[in-house]
């Protein structure tokens, strides 16, 4: 019983850290950036992205490990009940979020780093295009995360 409680706690903590972090970045941090100058903005975003990457990937590992423990026996991708369908949808959405995170981590961030303007240099069109891609993928991941939370609530009903 105590082990299940610890698993549940770690699962919820990882969920809050990952999805809550996405909501914070999209709803609070990004809209606040215009209050800073371009150089400060870049410095803040680089530091925030580095820290969030550590938090989010750690959360994903914890979610996968605890999620496997939490999934009822025989229910992984079971489409025979409404519970199984909702759980499958949740798992597919989480997989899509992980893919989005992988794309951000291994494609978008390196591209933005390479395209980042040097001090006193104007950003290129490619830099802005890559920045826009990042915003779209990050917003999509946040929306998927909110839908995952809705699935969790539906699983409790």
C-alpha atoms as a PDB file:
ATOM      1  CA  UNK A   1       0.000   0.000   0.000  1.00  0.00           C
ATOM      2  CA  UNK A   2       2.786   2.458   0.886  1.00  0.00           C
ATOM      3  CA  UNK A   3       4.652   1.653  -2.345  1.00  0.00           C
ATOM      4  CA  UNK A   4       1.529   2.387  -4.409  1.00  0.00           C
ATOM      5  CA  UNK A   5       1.138   5.699  -2.568  1.00  0.00           C
ATOM      6  CA  UNK A   6       4.761   6.631  -3.363  1.00  0.00           C
ATOM      7  CA  UNK A   7       4.268   5.639  -7.021  1.00  0.00           C
ATOM      8  CA  UNK A   8       1.078   7.730  -7.226  1.00  0.00           C
ATOM      9  CA  UNK A   9       2.806  10.701  -5.571  1.00  0.00           C
ATOM     10  CA  UNK A  10       5.811  10.538  -7.918  1.00  0.00           C
ATOM     11  CA  UNK A  11       3.501  10.220 -10.935  1.00  0.00           C
ATOM     12  CA  UNK A  12       1.482  13.276  -9.921  1.00  0.00           C
ATOM     13  CA  UNK A  13       4.638  15.250  -9.067  1.00  0.00           C
ATOM     14  CA  UNK A  14       6.188  14.466 -12.446  1.00  0.00           C
ATOM     15  CA  UNK A  15       2.934  15.376 -14.218  1.00  0.00           C
ATOM     16  CA  UNK A  16       2.674  18.694 -12.401  1.00  0.00           C
ATOM     17  CA  UNK A  17       6.327  19.488 -13.084  1.00  0.00           C
ATOM     18  CA  UNK A  18       6.133  18.707 -16.811  1.00  0.00           C
ATOM     19  CA  UNK A  19       2.695  20.019 -17.761  1.00  0.00           C
ATOM     20  CA  UNK A  20       2.766  22.827 -15.183  1.00  0.00           C
ATOM     21  CA  UNK A  21       6.156  23.908 -16.537  1.00  0.00           C
ATOM     22  CA  UNK A  22       4.711  24.055 -20.052  1.00  0.00           C
ATOM     23  CA  UNK A  23       1.776  26.132 -18.869  1.00  0.00           C
ATOM     24  CA  UNK A  24       4.099  28.505 -16.983  1.00  0.00           C
ATOM     25  CA  UNK A  25       6.385  28.972 -19.987  1.00  0.00           C
ATOM     26  CA  UNK A  26       3.531  29.535 -22.458  1.00  0.00           C
ATOM     27  CA  UNK A  27       1.219  31.611 -20.264  1.00  0.00           C
ATOM     28  CA  UNK A  28       3.626  33.559 -18.021  1.00  0.00           C
ATOM     29  CA  UNK A  29       7.243  33.545 -19.214  1.00  0.00           C
ATOM     30  CA  UNK A  30       6.848  33.982 -22.984  1.00  0.00           C
ATOM     31  CA  UNK A  31       4.305  36.828 -22.783  1.00  0.00           C
ATOM     32  CA  UNK A  32       6.571  38.590 -20.245  1.00  0.00           C
ATOM     33  CA  UNK A  33       9.687  38.556 -22.444  1.00  0.00           C
ATOM     34  CA  UNK A  34       8.972  41.867 -24.218  1.00  0.00           C
ATOM     35  CA  UNK A  35       9.664  43.587 -20.869  1.00  0.00           C
ATOM     36  CA  UNK A  36      13.352  42.704 -21.420  1.00  0.00           C
ATOM     37  CA  UNK A  37      15.816  43.883 -24.026  1.00  0.00           C
ATOM     38  CA  UNK A  38      16.698  41.420 -26.818  1.00  0.00           C
ATOM     39  CA  UNK A  39      20.021  40.357 -25.285  1.00  0.00           C
ATOM     40  CA  UNK A  40      18.531  39.793 -21.827  1.00  0.00           C
ATOM     41  CA  UNK A  41      15.618  37.950 -23.408  1.00  0.00           C
ATOM     42  CA  UNK A  42      17.989  35.534 -25.119  1.00  0.00           C
ATOM     43  CA  UNK A  43      20.003  34.970 -21.953  1.00  0.00           C
ATOM     44  CA  UNK A  44      16.884  34.306 -19.880  1.00  0.00           C
ATOM     45  CA  UNK A  45      15.367  31.956 -22.460  1.00  0.00           C
ATOM     46  CA  UNK A  46      18.595  29.996 -22.828  1.00  0.00           C
ATOM     47  CA  UNK A  47      18.856  29.507 -19.058  1.00  0.00           C
ATOM     48  CA  UNK A  48      15.141  28.697 -18.684  1.00  0.00           C
ATOM     49  CA  UNK A  49      15.209  26.237 -21.590  1.00  0.00           C
ATOM     50  CA  UNK A  50      18.224  24.431 -20.157  1.00  0.00           C
ATOM     51  CA  UNK A  51      16.625  24.077 -16.720  1.00  0.00           C
ATOM     52  CA  UNK A  52      13.212  23.122 -18.114  1.00  0.00           C
ATOM     53  CA  UNK A  53      14.814  20.457 -20.324  1.00  0.00           C
ATOM     54  CA  UNK A  54      16.299  18.830 -17.221  1.00  0.00           C
ATOM     55  CA  UNK A  55      12.988  19.020 -15.342  1.00  0.00           C
ATOM     56  CA  UNK A  56      10.882  17.836 -18.261  1.00  0.00           C
ATOM     57  CA  UNK A  57      13.063  14.883 -19.281  1.00  0.00           C
ATOM     58  CA  UNK A  58      13.411  13.788 -15.653  1.00  0.00           C
ATOM     59  CA  UNK A  59       9.631  14.021 -15.354  1.00  0.00           C
ATOM     60  CA  UNK A  60       9.143  11.937 -18.506  1.00  0.00           C
ATOM     61  CA  UNK A  61      11.379   9.178 -17.129  1.00  0.00           C
ATOM     62  CA  UNK A  62       9.495   9.178 -13.808  1.00  0.00           C
ATOM     63  CA  UNK A  63       6.141   9.205 -15.636  1.00  0.00           C
ATOM     64  CA  UNK A  64       7.088   6.253 -17.814  1.00  0.00           C
ATOM     65  CA  UNK A  65       8.376   4.209 -14.860  1.00  0.00           C
ATOM     66  CA  UNK A  66       5.489   5.008 -12.538  1.00  0.00           C
ATOM     67  CA  UNK A  67       2.925   4.850 -15.343  1.00  0.00           C
ATOM     68  CA  UNK A  68       3.893   1.282 -16.129  1.00  0.00           C
ATOM     69  CA  UNK A  69       3.398   0.435 -12.458  1.00  0.00           C
ATOM     70  CA  UNK A  70       0.039   2.239 -12.326  1.00  0.00           C
ATOM     71  CA  UNK A  71      -1.468   0.770 -15.499  1.00  0.00           C
ATOM     72  CA  UNK A  72      -3.875  -2.008 -14.566  1.00  0.00           C
ATOM     73  CA  UNK A  73      -2.822  -5.446 -15.824  1.00  0.00           C
ATOM     74  CA  UNK A  74      -4.033  -6.060 -19.367  1.00  0.00           C
ATOM     75  CA  UNK A  75      -5.206  -2.459 -19.855  1.00  0.00           C
ATOM     76  CA  UNK A  76      -2.263  -1.173 -21.908  1.00  0.00           C
ATOM     77  CA  UNK A  77      -3.851  -0.294 -25.280  1.00  0.00           C
ATOM     78  CA  UNK A  78      -7.053  -2.188 -24.411  1.00  0.00           C
ATOM     79  CA  UNK A  79      -9.857  -0.854 -26.605  1.00  0.00           C
ATOM     80  CA  UNK A  80     -12.659  -3.053 -25.230  1.00  0.00           C
ATOM     81  CA  UNK A  81     -13.886  -0.657 -22.508  1.00  0.00           C
ATOM     82  CA  UNK A  82     -14.360   3.093 -22.234  1.00  0.00           C
ATOM     83  CA  UNK A  83     -11.689   3.089 -19.492  1.00  0.00           C
ATOM     84  CA  UNK A  84      -9.252   1.308 -21.823  1.00  0.00           C
ATOM     85  CA  UNK A  85     -10.047   3.684 -24.697  1.00  0.00           C
ATOM     86  CA  UNK A  86      -9.509   6.760 -22.507  1.00  0.00           C
ATOM     87  CA  UNK A  87      -6.273   5.303 -21.135  1.00  0.00           C
ATOM     88  CA  UNK A  88      -5.077   4.522 -24.675  1.00  0.00           C
ATOM     89  CA  UNK A  89      -5.879   8.070 -25.829  1.00  0.00           C
ATOM     90  CA  UNK A  90      -3.956   9.408 -22.829  1.00  0.00           C
ATOM     91  CA  UNK A  91      -0.950   7.226 -23.664  1.00  0.00           C
ATOM     92  CA  UNK A  92      -1.011   8.283 -27.333  1.00  0.00           C
ATOM     93  CA  UNK A  93      -1.161  11.958 -26.330  1.00  0.00           C
ATOM     94  CA  UNK A  94       1.773  11.509 -23.924  1.00  0.00           C
ATOM     95  CA  UNK A  95       3.724   9.791 -26.711  1.00  0.00           C
ATOM     96  CA  UNK A  96       2.957  12.739 -29.020  1.00  0.00           C
ATOM     97  CA  UNK A  97       4.158  15.136 -26.300  1.00  0.00           C
ATOM     98  CA  UNK A  98       7.387  13.164 -25.917  1.00  0.00           C
ATOM     99  CA  UNK A  99       7.913  13.312 -29.692  1.00  0.00           C
ATOM    100  CA  UNK A 100       7.328  17.074 -29.605  1.00  0.00           C
ATOM    101  CA  UNK A 101       9.839  17.389 -26.778  1.00  0.00           C
ATOM    102  CA  UNK A 102      12.399  15.305 -28.673  1.00  0.00           C
ATOM    103  CA  UNK A 103      11.954  17.515 -31.741  1.00  0.00           C
ATOM    104  CA  UNK A 104      12.404  20.660 -29.638  1.00  0.00           C
ATOM    105  CA  UNK A 105      15.441  19.254 -27.812  1.00  0.00           C
ATOM    106  CA  UNK A 106      17.310  17.731 -30.738  1.00  0.00           C
ATOM    107  CA  UNK A 107      16.222  19.856 -33.724  1.00  0.00           C
ATOM    108  CA  UNK A 108      14.798  23.242 -32.730  1.00  0.00           C
ATOM    109  CA  UNK A 109      17.136  24.162 -29.847  1.00  0.00           C
ATOM    110  CA  UNK A 110      20.357  23.309 -31.749  1.00  0.00           C
ATOM    111  CA  UNK A 111      19.060  25.210 -34.787  1.00  0.00           C
ATOM    112  CA  UNK A 112      18.172  28.247 -32.652  1.00  0.00           C
ATOM    113  CA  UNK A 113      21.560  28.112 -30.930  1.00  0.00           C
ATOM    114  CA  UNK A 114      23.323  28.096 -34.306  1.00  0.00           C
ATOM    115  CA  UNK A 115      21.144  30.928 -35.638  1.00  0.00           C
ATOM    116  CA  UNK A 116      21.232  33.073 -32.472  1.00  0.00           C
ATOM    117  CA  UNK A 117      22.472  36.579 -33.256  1.00  0.00           C
ATOM    118  CA  UNK A 118      25.728  37.743 -31.757  1.00  0.00           C
ATOM    119  CA  UNK A 119      25.713  40.944 -29.659  1.00  0.00           C
ATOM    120  CA  UNK A 120      24.952  43.999 -31.798  1.00  0.00           C
ATOM    121  CA  UNK A 121      23.768  41.735 -34.628  1.00  0.00           C
ATOM    122  CA  UNK A 122      20.195  41.569 -35.923  1.00  0.00           C
ATOM    123  CA  UNK A 123      18.402  38.216 -35.890  1.00  0.00           C
ATOM    124  CA  UNK A 124      17.954  36.548 -39.270  1.00  0.00           C
ATOM    125  CA  UNK A 125      14.662  35.553 -40.875  1.00  0.00           C
ATOM    126  CA  UNK A 126      15.627  31.900 -40.262  1.00  0.00           C
ATOM    127  CA  UNK A 127      16.074  32.613 -36.558  1.00  0.00           C
ATOM    128  CA  UNK A 128      12.568  34.111 -36.342  1.00  0.00           C
ATOM    129  CA  UNK A 129      11.139  31.204 -38.347  1.00  0.00           C
ATOM    130  CA  UNK A 130      12.742  28.682 -35.997  1.00  0.00           C
ATOM    131  CA  UNK A 131      11.545  30.681 -32.979  1.00  0.00           C
ATOM    132  CA  UNK A 132       7.990  30.546 -34.380  1.00  0.00           C
ATOM    133  CA  UNK A 133       8.280  26.757 -34.842  1.00  0.00           C
ATOM    134  CA  UNK A 134       9.352  26.459 -31.214  1.00  0.00           C
ATOM    135  CA  UNK A 135       6.370  28.517 -30.061  1.00  0.00           C
ATOM    136  CA  UNK A 136       3.920  26.408 -32.100  1.00  0.00           C
ATOM    137  CA  UNK A 137       5.319  23.070 -30.889  1.00  0.00           C
ATOM    138  CA  UNK A 138       5.509  24.277 -27.271  1.00  0.00           C
ATOM    139  CA  UNK A 139       1.915  25.540 -27.392  1.00  0.00           C
ATOM    140  CA  UNK A 140       0.748  22.297 -29.017  1.00  0.00           C
ATOM    141  CA  UNK A 141       2.492  20.264 -26.316  1.00  0.00           C
ATOM    142  CA  UNK A 142       0.855  22.374 -23.617  1.00  0.00           C
ATOM    143  CA  UNK A 143      -2.595  21.837 -25.160  1.00  0.00           C
ATOM    144  CA  UNK A 144      -1.941  18.095 -25.439  1.00  0.00           C
ATOM    145  CA  UNK A 145      -0.881  18.135 -21.777  1.00  0.00           C
ATOM    146  CA  UNK A 146      -4.148  19.780 -20.775  1.00  0.00           C
ATOM    147  CA  UNK A 147      -6.056  17.142 -22.735  1.00  0.00           C
ATOM    148  CA  UNK A 148      -4.025  14.448 -20.922  1.00  0.00           C
ATOM    149  CA  UNK A 149      -5.185  15.974 -17.625  1.00  0.00           C
ATOM    150  CA  UNK A 150      -8.764  15.816 -18.881  1.00  0.00           C
ATOM    151  CA  UNK A 151      -8.265  12.128 -19.696  1.00  0.00           C
ATOM    152  CA  UNK A 152      -6.993  11.552 -16.151  1.00  0.00           C
ATOM    153  CA  UNK A 153     -10.148  13.141 -14.748  1.00  0.00           C
ATOM    154  CA  UNK A 154     -12.305  11.009 -17.067  1.00  0.00           C
ATOM    155  CA  UNK A 155     -10.481   7.894 -15.825  1.00  0.00           C
ATOM    156  CA  UNK A 156     -11.543   8.785 -12.261  1.00  0.00           C
ATOM    157  CA  UNK A 157     -15.235   9.156 -13.150  1.00  0.00           C
END
